[in-house]
Amino acid sequence: MLEVRWTDGTVYALPLEYLRTHSPSAEVQGHGPGQEVLVAGKRNVGVDSIEPVGQYGILLRFDDGHQTGIFSWDTLARLGRDQTRNWSNYLDALQRAGLARD
């Protein structure tokens, strides 16, 4: 779980699986609309390190080797704000594709 606290008092608790499957990287998001990749099997993913990227955001180095998505503060805020909807859509997409979280 990554907990992000904002100066206005907002707190988002973001599961690592959620962050991994919704990474802003081109590997997950593709290079344009409609090119997103459904990432499965990440229920137990961990993070080896968290590195600041200037004042822009953070880089999460996941223990499955994924380390190309820089999570800007805006991206983390959006993922937190839209977490319930995003997660529901993700679970539905997994089911339609016959894939699993494990």
PDB file of N, CA and C in Angstrom:
ATOM      1  N   MET A   1       0.854  -1.175   0.000  1.00  0.00           N
ATOM      2  CA  MET A   1       0.000   0.000   0.000  1.00  0.00           C
ATOM      3  C   MET A   1       0.898   1.235   0.000  1.00  0.00           C
ATOM      4  N   LEU A   2       0.566   2.183  -0.854  1.00  0.00           N
ATOM      5  CA  LEU A   2       1.236   3.476  -0.853  1.00  0.00           C
ATOM      6  C   LEU A   2       0.215   4.489  -0.357  1.00  0.00           C
ATOM      7  N   GLU A   3       0.543   5.160   0.717  1.00  0.00           N
ATOM      8  CA  GLU A   3      -0.345   6.184   1.242  1.00  0.00           C
ATOM      9  C   GLU A   3       0.180   7.540   0.816  1.00  0.00           C
ATOM     10  N   VAL A   4      -0.684   8.319   0.177  1.00  0.00           N
ATOM     11  CA  VAL A   4      -0.321   9.650  -0.288  1.00  0.00           C
ATOM     12  C   VAL A   4      -1.170  10.654   0.475  1.00  0.00           C
ATOM     13  N   ARG A   5      -0.486  11.578   1.147  1.00  0.00           N
ATOM     14  CA  ARG A   5      -1.171  12.618   1.928  1.00  0.00           C
ATOM     15  C   ARG A   5      -0.951  13.967   1.258  1.00  0.00           C
ATOM     16  N   TRP A   6      -2.040  14.691   1.065  1.00  0.00           N
ATOM     17  CA  TRP A   6      -1.986  15.992   0.420  1.00  0.00           C
ATOM     18  C   TRP A   6      -2.101  17.092   1.467  1.00  0.00           C
ATOM     19  N   THR A   7      -1.620  18.271   1.142  1.00  0.00           N
ATOM     20  CA  THR A   7      -1.624  19.385   2.098  1.00  0.00           C
ATOM     21  C   THR A   7      -3.034  19.814   2.496  1.00  0.00           C
ATOM     22  N   ASP A   8      -4.042  19.507   1.682  1.00  0.00           N
ATOM     23  CA  ASP A   8      -5.424  19.868   2.031  1.00  0.00           C
ATOM     24  C   ASP A   8      -6.076  18.858   2.967  1.00  0.00           C
ATOM     25  N   GLY A   9      -5.302  17.827   3.377  1.00  0.00           N
ATOM     26  CA  GLY A   9      -5.822  16.808   4.284  1.00  0.00           C
ATOM     27  C   GLY A   9      -6.317  15.555   3.599  1.00  0.00           C
ATOM     28  N   THR A  10      -6.408  15.564   2.274  1.00  0.00           N
ATOM     29  CA  THR A  10      -6.827  14.380   1.526  1.00  0.00           C
ATOM     30  C   THR A  10      -5.766  13.296   1.656  1.00  0.00           C
ATOM     31  N   VAL A  11      -6.216  12.054   1.877  1.00  0.00           N
ATOM     32  CA  VAL A  11      -5.310  10.916   1.969  1.00  0.00           C
ATOM     33  C   VAL A  11      -5.833   9.825   1.043  1.00  0.00           C
ATOM     34  N   TYR A  12      -4.945   9.291   0.221  1.00  0.00           N
ATOM     35  CA  TYR A  12      -5.290   8.158  -0.630  1.00  0.00           C
ATOM     36  C   TYR A  12      -4.413   6.971  -0.241  1.00  0.00           C
ATOM     37  N   ALA A  13      -5.033   5.829   0.012  1.00  0.00           N
ATOM     38  CA  ALA A  13      -4.323   4.575   0.257  1.00  0.00           C
ATOM     39  C   ALA A  13      -4.425   3.764  -1.029  1.00  0.00           C
ATOM     40  N   LEU A  14      -3.320   3.665  -1.737  1.00  0.00           N
ATOM     41  CA  LEU A  14      -3.308   3.059  -3.069  1.00  0.00           C
ATOM     42  C   LEU A  14      -2.595   1.713  -3.023  1.00  0.00           C
ATOM     43  N   PRO A  15      -3.336   0.614  -3.216  1.00  0.00           N
ATOM     44  CA  PRO A  15      -2.707  -0.710  -3.218  1.00  0.00           C
ATOM     45  C   PRO A  15      -1.654  -0.808  -4.328  1.00  0.00           C
ATOM     46  N   LEU A  16      -0.577  -1.504  -4.051  1.00  0.00           N
ATOM     47  CA  LEU A  16       0.502  -1.652  -5.032  1.00  0.00           C
ATOM     48  C   LEU A  16       0.017  -2.349  -6.298  1.00  0.00           C
ATOM     49  N   GLU A  17      -0.868  -3.322  -6.147  1.00  0.00           N
ATOM     50  CA  GLU A  17      -1.425  -3.998  -7.323  1.00  0.00           C
ATOM     51  C   GLU A  17      -2.137  -2.990  -8.226  1.00  0.00           C
ATOM     52  N   TYR A  18      -2.895  -2.103  -7.628  1.00  0.00           N
ATOM     53  CA  TYR A  18      -3.610  -1.068  -8.372  1.00  0.00           C
ATOM     54  C   TYR A  18      -2.624  -0.159  -9.104  1.00  0.00           C
ATOM     55  N   LEU A  19      -1.583   0.261  -8.401  1.00  0.00           N
ATOM     56  CA  LEU A  19      -0.591   1.132  -9.023  1.00  0.00           C
ATOM     57  C   LEU A  19       0.141   0.429 -10.163  1.00  0.00           C
ATOM     58  N   ARG A  20       0.457  -0.843  -9.972  1.00  0.00           N
ATOM     59  CA  ARG A  20       1.173  -1.596 -11.013  1.00  0.00           C
ATOM     60  C   ARG A  20       0.302  -1.781 -12.257  1.00  0.00           C
ATOM     61  N   THR A  21      -0.961  -2.107 -12.042  1.00  0.00           N
ATOM     62  CA  THR A  21      -1.853  -2.368 -13.172  1.00  0.00           C
ATOM     63  C   THR A  21      -2.341  -1.089 -13.850  1.00  0.00           C
ATOM     64  N   HIS A  22      -2.147   0.043 -13.193  1.00  0.00           N
ATOM     65  CA  HIS A  22      -2.547   1.333 -13.756  1.00  0.00           C
ATOM     66  C   HIS A  22      -1.336   2.254 -13.931  1.00  0.00           C
ATOM     67  N   SER A  23      -0.169   1.669 -14.073  1.00  0.00           N
ATOM     68  CA  SER A  23       1.061   2.436 -14.253  1.00  0.00           C
ATOM     69  C   SER A  23       0.926   3.393 -15.431  1.00  0.00           C
ATOM     70  N   PRO A  24       1.476   4.600 -15.302  1.00  0.00           N
ATOM     71  CA  PRO A  24       1.425   5.544 -16.413  1.00  0.00           C
ATOM     72  C   PRO A  24       2.439   5.237 -17.517  1.00  0.00           C
ATOM     73  N   SER A  25       3.140   4.128 -17.407  1.00  0.00           N
ATOM     74  CA  SER A  25       4.163   3.770 -18.391  1.00  0.00           C
ATOM     75  C   SER A  25       3.546   3.436 -19.749  1.00  0.00           C
ATOM     76  N   ALA A  26       4.343   3.583 -20.789  1.00  0.00           N
ATOM     77  CA  ALA A  26       3.897   3.195 -22.132  1.00  0.00           C
ATOM     78  C   ALA A  26       3.651   1.693 -22.203  1.00  0.00           C
ATOM     79  N   GLU A  27       4.359   0.920 -21.384  1.00  0.00           N
ATOM     80  CA  GLU A  27       4.162  -0.538 -21.351  1.00  0.00           C
ATOM     81  C   GLU A  27       2.730  -0.893 -20.971  1.00  0.00           C
ATOM     82  N   VAL A  28       2.116  -0.084 -20.129  1.00  0.00           N
ATOM     83  CA  VAL A  28       0.743  -0.334 -19.679  1.00  0.00           C
ATOM     84  C   VAL A  28      -0.254   0.532 -20.444  1.00  0.00           C
ATOM     85  N   GLN A  29       0.065   1.790 -20.648  1.00  0.00           N
ATOM     86  CA  GLN A  29      -0.869   2.728 -21.274  1.00  0.00           C
ATOM     87  C   GLN A  29      -0.798   2.734 -22.791  1.00  0.00           C
ATOM     88  N   GLY A  30       0.250   2.140 -23.343  1.00  0.00           N
ATOM     89  CA  GLY A  30       0.438   2.202 -24.783  1.00  0.00           C
ATOM     90  C   GLY A  30       0.940   3.573 -25.182  1.00  0.00           C
ATOM     91  N   HIS A  31       0.929   3.829 -26.470  1.00  0.00           N
ATOM     92  CA  HIS A  31       1.437   5.110 -26.977  1.00  0.00           C
ATOM     93  C   HIS A  31       0.319   6.011 -27.484  1.00  0.00           C
ATOM     94  N   GLY A  32      -0.909   5.630 -27.181  1.00  0.00           N
ATOM     95  CA  GLY A  32      -2.035   6.444 -27.604  1.00  0.00           C
ATOM     96  C   GLY A  32      -3.337   5.807 -27.171  1.00  0.00           C
ATOM     97  N   PRO A  33      -4.436   6.525 -27.307  1.00  0.00           N
ATOM     98  CA  PRO A  33      -5.742   6.009 -26.921  1.00  0.00           C
ATOM     99  C   PRO A  33      -6.047   4.667 -27.592  1.00  0.00           C
ATOM    100  N   GLY A  34      -6.587   3.754 -26.817  1.00  0.00           N
ATOM    101  CA  GLY A  34      -6.958   2.450 -27.332  1.00  0.00           C
ATOM    102  C   GLY A  34      -5.827   1.442 -27.354  1.00  0.00           C
ATOM    103  N   GLN A  35      -4.644   1.832 -26.917  1.00  0.00           N
ATOM    104  CA  GLN A  35      -3.492   0.928 -26.924  1.00  0.00           C
ATOM    105  C   GLN A  35      -3.144   0.405 -25.532  1.00  0.00           C
ATOM    106  N   GLU A  36      -4.022   0.621 -24.570  1.00  0.00           N
ATOM    107  CA  GLU A  36      -3.771   0.186 -23.214  1.00  0.00           C
ATOM    108  C   GLU A  36      -3.606  -1.330 -23.166  1.00  0.00           C
ATOM    109  N   VAL A  37      -2.749  -1.804 -22.252  1.00  0.00           N
ATOM    110  CA  VAL A  37      -2.489  -3.225 -22.081  1.00  0.00           C
ATOM    111  C   VAL A  37      -3.069  -3.662 -20.745  1.00  0.00           C
ATOM    112  N   LEU A  38      -3.873  -4.708 -20.747  1.00  0.00           N
ATOM    113  CA  LEU A  38      -4.443  -5.247 -19.524  1.00  0.00           C
ATOM    114  C   LEU A  38      -3.381  -6.091 -18.820  1.00  0.00           C
ATOM    115  N   VAL A  39      -2.994  -5.682 -17.637  1.00  0.00           N
ATOM    116  CA  VAL A  39      -1.947  -6.364 -16.869  1.00  0.00           C
ATOM    117  C   VAL A  39      -2.616  -7.246 -15.823  1.00  0.00           C
ATOM    118  N   ALA A  40      -2.309  -8.535 -15.854  1.00  0.00           N
ATOM    119  CA  ALA A  40      -2.902  -9.492 -14.912  1.00  0.00           C
ATOM    120  C   ALA A  40      -1.816 -10.106 -14.035  1.00  0.00           C
ATOM    121  N   GLY A  41      -2.246 -10.832 -13.001  1.00  0.00           N
ATOM    122  CA  GLY A  41      -1.318 -11.600 -12.185  1.00  0.00           C
ATOM    123  C   GLY A  41      -0.437 -10.776 -11.275  1.00  0.00           C
ATOM    124  N   LYS A  42      -0.931  -9.650 -10.792  1.00  0.00           N
ATOM    125  CA  LYS A  42      -0.096  -8.771  -9.970  1.00  0.00           C
ATOM    126  C   LYS A  42      -0.618  -8.598  -8.542  1.00  0.00           C
ATOM    127  N   ARG A  43      -1.442  -9.526  -8.084  1.00  0.00           N
ATOM    128  CA  ARG A  43      -2.037  -9.402  -6.747  1.00  0.00           C
ATOM    129  C   ARG A  43      -0.973  -9.207  -5.653  1.00  0.00           C
ATOM    130  N   ASN A  44       0.140  -9.899  -5.760  1.00  0.00           N
ATOM    131  CA  ASN A  44       1.153  -9.855  -4.695  1.00  0.00           C
ATOM    132  C   ASN A  44       2.390  -9.048  -5.069  1.00  0.00           C
ATOM    133  N   VAL A  45       2.270  -8.154  -6.030  1.00  0.00           N
ATOM    134  CA  VAL A  45       3.419  -7.347  -6.435  1.00  0.00           C
ATOM    135  C   VAL A  45       3.854  -6.447  -5.274  1.00  0.00           C
ATOM    136  N   GLY A  46       5.147  -6.229  -5.194  1.00  0.00           N
ATOM    137  CA  GLY A  46       5.699  -5.341  -4.183  1.00  0.00           C
ATOM    138  C   GLY A  46       6.510  -4.246  -4.845  1.00  0.00           C
ATOM    139  N   VAL A  47       7.074  -3.393  -4.023  1.00  0.00           N
ATOM    140  CA  VAL A  47       7.920  -2.306  -4.504  1.00  0.00           C
ATOM    141  C   VAL A  47       9.277  -2.437  -3.833  1.00  0.00           C
ATOM    142  N   ASP A  48      10.325  -2.462  -4.655  1.00  0.00           N
ATOM    143  CA  ASP A  48      11.687  -2.528  -4.131  1.00  0.00           C
ATOM    144  C   ASP A  48      12.173  -1.161  -3.668  1.00  0.00           C
ATOM    145  N   SER A  49      11.762  -0.112  -4.378  1.00  0.00           N
ATOM    146  CA  SER A  49      12.179   1.230  -3.976  1.00  0.00           C
ATOM    147  C   SER A  49      11.231   2.280  -4.548  1.00  0.00           C
ATOM    148  N   ILE A  50      11.241   3.423  -3.887  1.00  0.00           N
ATOM    149  CA  ILE A  50      10.491   4.600  -4.332  1.00  0.00           C
ATOM    150  C   ILE A  50      11.508   5.720  -4.442  1.00  0.00           C
ATOM    151  N   GLU A  51      11.575   6.331  -5.616  1.00  0.00           N
ATOM    152  CA  GLU A  51      12.564   7.374  -5.848  1.00  0.00           C
ATOM    153  C   GLU A  51      11.877   8.659  -6.285  1.00  0.00           C
ATOM    154  N   PRO A  52      12.258   9.785  -5.681  1.00  0.00           N
ATOM    155  CA  PRO A  52      11.688  11.056  -6.125  1.00  0.00           C
ATOM    156  C   PRO A  52      12.181  11.393  -7.533  1.00  0.00           C
ATOM    157  N   VAL A  53      11.326  12.039  -8.291  1.00  0.00           N
ATOM    158  CA  VAL A  53      11.686  12.521  -9.624  1.00  0.00           C
ATOM    159  C   VAL A  53      11.489  14.034  -9.581  1.00  0.00           C
ATOM    160  N   GLY A  54      12.523  14.729  -9.169  1.00  0.00           N
ATOM    161  CA  GLY A  54      12.441  16.178  -8.998  1.00  0.00           C
ATOM    162  C   GLY A  54      11.259  16.543  -8.114  1.00  0.00           C
ATOM    163  N   GLN A  55      10.575  17.603  -8.483  1.00  0.00           N
ATOM    164  CA  GLN A  55       9.349  18.010  -7.788  1.00  0.00           C
ATOM    165  C   GLN A  55       8.119  17.455  -8.488  1.00  0.00           C
ATOM    166  N   TYR A  56       8.350  16.643  -9.519  1.00  0.00           N
ATOM    167  CA  TYR A  56       7.316  16.171 -10.424  1.00  0.00           C
ATOM    168  C   TYR A  56       6.497  15.016  -9.867  1.00  0.00           C
ATOM    169  N   GLY A  57       7.170  14.050  -9.203  1.00  0.00           N
ATOM    170  CA  GLY A  57       6.471  12.861  -8.728  1.00  0.00           C
ATOM    171  C   GLY A  57       7.452  11.828  -8.219  1.00  0.00           C
ATOM    172  N   ILE A  58       7.107  10.558  -8.410  1.00  0.00           N
ATOM    173  CA  ILE A  58       7.936   9.467  -7.916  1.00  0.00           C
ATOM    174  C   ILE A  58       8.040   8.352  -8.957  1.00  0.00           C
ATOM    175  N   LEU A  59       9.128   7.610  -8.854  1.00  0.00           N
ATOM    176  CA  LEU A  59       9.313   6.402  -9.643  1.00  0.00           C
ATOM    177  C   LEU A  59       9.200   5.222  -8.702  1.00  0.00           C
ATOM    178  N   LEU A  60       8.292   4.302  -9.005  1.00  0.00           N
ATOM    179  CA  LEU A  60       8.148   3.077  -8.224  1.00  0.00           C
ATOM    180  C   LEU A  60       8.881   1.970  -8.957  1.00  0.00           C
ATOM    181  N   ARG A  61       9.804   1.333  -8.288  1.00  0.00           N
ATOM    182  CA  ARG A  61      10.505   0.180  -8.854  1.00  0.00           C
ATOM    183  C   ARG A  61       9.845  -1.068  -8.279  1.00  0.00           C
ATOM    184  N   PHE A  62       8.987  -1.681  -9.084  1.00  0.00           N
ATOM    185  CA  PHE A  62       8.226  -2.850  -8.647  1.00  0.00           C
ATOM    186  C   PHE A  62       9.120  -4.082  -8.631  1.00  0.00           C
ATOM    187  N   ASP A  63       8.796  -5.024  -7.755  1.00  0.00           N
ATOM    188  CA  ASP A  63       9.637  -6.221  -7.617  1.00  0.00           C
ATOM    189  C   ASP A  63       9.470  -7.220  -8.763  1.00  0.00           C
ATOM    190  N   ASP A  64       8.576  -6.940  -9.706  1.00  0.00           N
ATOM    191  CA  ASP A  64       8.462  -7.786 -10.902  1.00  0.00           C
ATOM    192  C   ASP A  64       9.317  -7.242 -12.051  1.00  0.00           C
ATOM    193  N   GLY A  65      10.114  -6.222 -11.760  1.00  0.00           N
ATOM    194  CA  GLY A  65      11.004  -5.650 -12.758  1.00  0.00           C
ATOM    195  C   GLY A  65      10.467  -4.411 -13.449  1.00  0.00           C
ATOM    196  N   HIS A  66       9.193  -4.104 -13.270  1.00  0.00           N
ATOM    197  CA  HIS A  66       8.606  -2.919 -13.909  1.00  0.00           C
ATOM    198  C   HIS A  66       9.112  -1.667 -13.199  1.00  0.00           C
ATOM    199  N   GLN A  67       9.691  -0.757 -13.967  1.00  0.00           N
ATOM    200  CA  GLN A  67      10.231   0.459 -13.362  1.00  0.00           C
ATOM    201  C   GLN A  67      10.253   1.626 -14.342  1.00  0.00           C
ATOM    202  N   THR A  68       9.321   1.632 -15.269  1.00  0.00           N
ATOM    203  CA  THR A  68       9.352   2.675 -16.283  1.00  0.00           C
ATOM    204  C   THR A  68       8.258   3.720 -16.141  1.00  0.00           C
ATOM    205  N   GLY A  69       7.349   3.552 -15.218  1.00  0.00           N
ATOM    206  CA  GLY A  69       6.271   4.526 -15.076  1.00  0.00           C
ATOM    207  C   GLY A  69       6.584   5.546 -13.998  1.00  0.00           C
ATOM    208  N   ILE A  70       6.662   6.809 -14.380  1.00  0.00           N
ATOM    209  CA  ILE A  70       6.834   7.867 -13.394  1.00  0.00           C
ATOM    210  C   ILE A  70       5.449   8.355 -13.007  1.00  0.00           C
ATOM    211  N   PHE A  71       5.148   8.247 -11.733  1.00  0.00           N
ATOM    212  CA  PHE A  71       3.857   8.663 -11.205  1.00  0.00           C
ATOM    213  C   PHE A  71       3.954  10.129 -10.802  1.00  0.00           C
ATOM    214  N   SER A  72       3.414  11.005 -11.629  1.00  0.00           N
ATOM    215  CA  SER A  72       3.392  12.427 -11.273  1.00  0.00           C
ATOM    216  C   SER A  72       2.414  12.613 -10.116  1.00  0.00           C
ATOM    217  N   TRP A  73       2.531  13.737  -9.451  1.00  0.00           N
ATOM    218  CA  TRP A  73       1.589  14.017  -8.360  1.00  0.00           C
ATOM    219  C   TRP A  73       0.169  14.115  -8.915  1.00  0.00           C
ATOM    220  N   ASP A  74       0.012  14.681 -10.105  1.00  0.00           N
ATOM    221  CA  ASP A  74      -1.309  14.753 -10.730  1.00  0.00           C
ATOM    222  C   ASP A  74      -1.866  13.357 -11.008  1.00  0.00           C
ATOM    223  N   THR A  75      -0.999  12.457 -11.485  1.00  0.00           N
ATOM    224  CA  THR A  75      -1.431  11.078 -11.759  1.00  0.00           C
ATOM    225  C   THR A  75      -1.851  10.386 -10.476  1.00  0.00           C
ATOM    226  N   LEU A  76      -1.080  10.548  -9.416  1.00  0.00           N
ATOM    227  CA  LEU A  76      -1.439   9.920  -8.132  1.00  0.00           C
ATOM    228  C   LEU A  76      -2.755  10.476  -7.602  1.00  0.00           C
ATOM    229  N   ALA A  77      -2.968  11.775  -7.754  1.00  0.00           N
ATOM    230  CA  ALA A  77      -4.237  12.373  -7.313  1.00  0.00           C
ATOM    231  C   ALA A  77      -5.405  11.800  -8.121  1.00  0.00           C
ATOM    232  N   ARG A  78      -5.220  11.684  -9.437  1.00  0.00           N
ATOM    233  CA  ARG A  78      -6.284  11.132 -10.285  1.00  0.00           C
ATOM    234  C   ARG A  78      -6.560   9.673  -9.943  1.00  0.00           C
ATOM    235  N   LEU A  79      -5.489   8.884  -9.755  1.00  0.00           N
ATOM    236  CA  LEU A  79      -5.671   7.475  -9.394  1.00  0.00           C
ATOM    237  C   LEU A  79      -6.377   7.341  -8.053  1.00  0.00           C
ATOM    238  N   GLY A  80      -6.066   8.207  -7.121  1.00  0.00           N
ATOM    239  CA  GLY A  80      -6.753   8.175  -5.832  1.00  0.00           C
ATOM    240  C   GLY A  80      -8.212   8.567  -5.945  1.00  0.00           C
ATOM    241  N   ARG A  81      -8.460   9.654  -6.640  1.00  0.00           N
ATOM    242  CA  ARG A  81      -9.827  10.170  -6.799  1.00  0.00           C
ATOM    243  C   ARG A  81     -10.723   9.177  -7.536  1.00  0.00           C
ATOM    244  N   ASP A  82     -10.168   8.496  -8.541  1.00  0.00           N
ATOM    245  CA  ASP A  82     -10.958   7.607  -9.398  1.00  0.00           C
ATOM    246  C   ASP A  82     -10.767   6.129  -9.066  1.00  0.00           C
ATOM    247  N   GLN A  83     -10.192   5.839  -7.914  1.00  0.00           N
ATOM    248  CA  GLN A  83      -9.817   4.468  -7.576  1.00  0.00           C
ATOM    249  C   GLN A  83     -10.979   3.480  -7.643  1.00  0.00           C
ATOM    250  N   THR A  84     -12.098   3.797  -7.076  1.00  0.00           N
ATOM    251  CA  THR A  84     -13.230   2.866  -7.046  1.00  0.00           C
ATOM    252  C   THR A  84     -13.690   2.513  -8.460  1.00  0.00           C
ATOM    253  N   ARG A  85     -13.860   3.508  -9.294  1.00  0.00           N
ATOM    254  CA  ARG A  85     -14.297   3.275 -10.678  1.00  0.00           C
ATOM    255  C   ARG A  85     -13.231   2.535 -11.476  1.00  0.00           C
ATOM    256  N   ASN A  86     -11.976   2.982 -11.353  1.00  0.00           N
ATOM    257  CA  ASN A  86     -10.883   2.333 -12.096  1.00  0.00           C
ATOM    258  C   ASN A  86     -10.757   0.860 -11.715  1.00  0.00           C
ATOM    259  N   TRP A  87     -10.849   0.564 -10.426  1.00  0.00           N
ATOM    260  CA  TRP A  87     -10.675  -0.821  -9.971  1.00  0.00           C
ATOM    261  C   TRP A  87     -11.815  -1.702 -10.458  1.00  0.00           C
ATOM    262  N   SER A  88     -13.021  -1.191 -10.389  1.00  0.00           N
ATOM    263  CA  SER A  88     -14.176  -1.938 -10.876  1.00  0.00           C
ATOM    264  C   SER A  88     -14.038  -2.231 -12.370  1.00  0.00           C
ATOM    265  N   ASN A  89     -13.635  -1.233 -13.143  1.00  0.00           N
ATOM    266  CA  ASN A  89     -13.433  -1.425 -14.585  1.00  0.00           C
ATOM    267  C   ASN A  89     -12.335  -2.444 -14.848  1.00  0.00           C
ATOM    268  N   TYR A  90     -11.277  -2.405 -14.044  1.00  0.00           N
ATOM    269  CA  TYR A  90     -10.164  -3.352 -14.195  1.00  0.00           C
ATOM    270  C   TYR A  90     -10.628  -4.779 -13.929  1.00  0.00           C
ATOM    271  N   LEU A  91     -11.358  -4.973 -12.840  1.00  0.00           N
ATOM    272  CA  LEU A  91     -11.848  -6.322 -12.513  1.00  0.00           C
ATOM    273  C   LEU A  91     -12.787  -6.843 -13.599  1.00  0.00           C
ATOM    274  N   ASP A  92     -13.640  -5.976 -14.125  1.00  0.00           N
ATOM    275  CA  ASP A  92     -14.527  -6.368 -15.226  1.00  0.00           C
ATOM    276  C   ASP A  92     -13.724  -6.759 -16.464  1.00  0.00           C
ATOM    277  N   ALA A  93     -12.679  -5.990 -16.775  1.00  0.00           N
ATOM    278  CA  ALA A  93     -11.850  -6.288 -17.949  1.00  0.00           C
ATOM    279  C   ALA A  93     -11.122  -7.618 -17.783  1.00  0.00           C
ATOM    280  N   LEU A  94     -10.620  -7.885 -16.580  1.00  0.00           N
ATOM    281  CA  LEU A  94      -9.973  -9.177 -16.318  1.00  0.00           C
ATOM    282  C   LEU A  94     -10.938 -10.320 -16.574  1.00  0.00           C
ATOM    283  N   GLN A  95     -12.150 -10.197 -16.047  1.00  0.00           N
ATOM    284  CA  GLN A  95     -13.144 -11.250 -16.200  1.00  0.00           C
ATOM    285  C   GLN A  95     -13.483 -11.470 -17.672  1.00  0.00           C
ATOM    286  N   ARG A  96     -13.689 -10.386 -18.411  1.00  0.00           N
ATOM    287  CA  ARG A  96     -14.011 -10.514 -19.843  1.00  0.00           C
ATOM    288  C   ARG A  96     -12.878 -11.192 -20.614  1.00  0.00           C
ATOM    289  N   ALA A  97     -11.641 -10.936 -20.180  1.00  0.00           N
ATOM    290  CA  ALA A  97     -10.477 -11.506 -20.876  1.00  0.00           C
ATOM    291  C   ALA A  97     -10.107 -12.914 -20.382  1.00  0.00           C
ATOM    292  N   GLY A  98     -10.804 -13.365 -19.335  1.00  0.00           N
ATOM    293  CA  GLY A  98     -10.502 -14.677 -18.774  1.00  0.00           C
ATOM    294  C   GLY A  98      -9.170 -14.697 -18.042  1.00  0.00           C
ATOM    295  N   LEU A  99      -8.789 -13.561 -17.479  1.00  0.00           N
ATOM    296  CA  LEU A  99      -7.529 -13.453 -16.752  1.00  0.00           C
ATOM    297  C   LEU A  99      -7.795 -13.325 -15.253  1.00  0.00           C
ATOM    298  N   ALA A 100      -6.737 -13.486 -14.459  1.00  0.00           N
ATOM    299  CA  ALA A 100      -6.874 -13.456 -13.002  1.00  0.00           C
ATOM    300  C   ALA A 100      -5.863 -12.500 -12.379  1.00  0.00           C
ATOM    301  N   ARG A 101      -6.147 -12.109 -11.161  1.00  0.00           N
ATOM    302  CA  ARG A 101      -5.243 -11.248 -10.407  1.00  0.00           C
ATOM    303  C   ARG A 101      -4.017 -12.000  -9.924  1.00  0.00           C
ATOM    304  N   ASP A 102      -4.110 -13.321  -9.805  1.00  0.00           N
ATOM    305  CA  ASP A 102      -2.974 -14.113  -9.317  1.00  0.00           C
ATOM    306  C   ASP A 102      -2.097 -14.599 -10.445  1.00  0.00           C
TER     307      ASP A 102
END
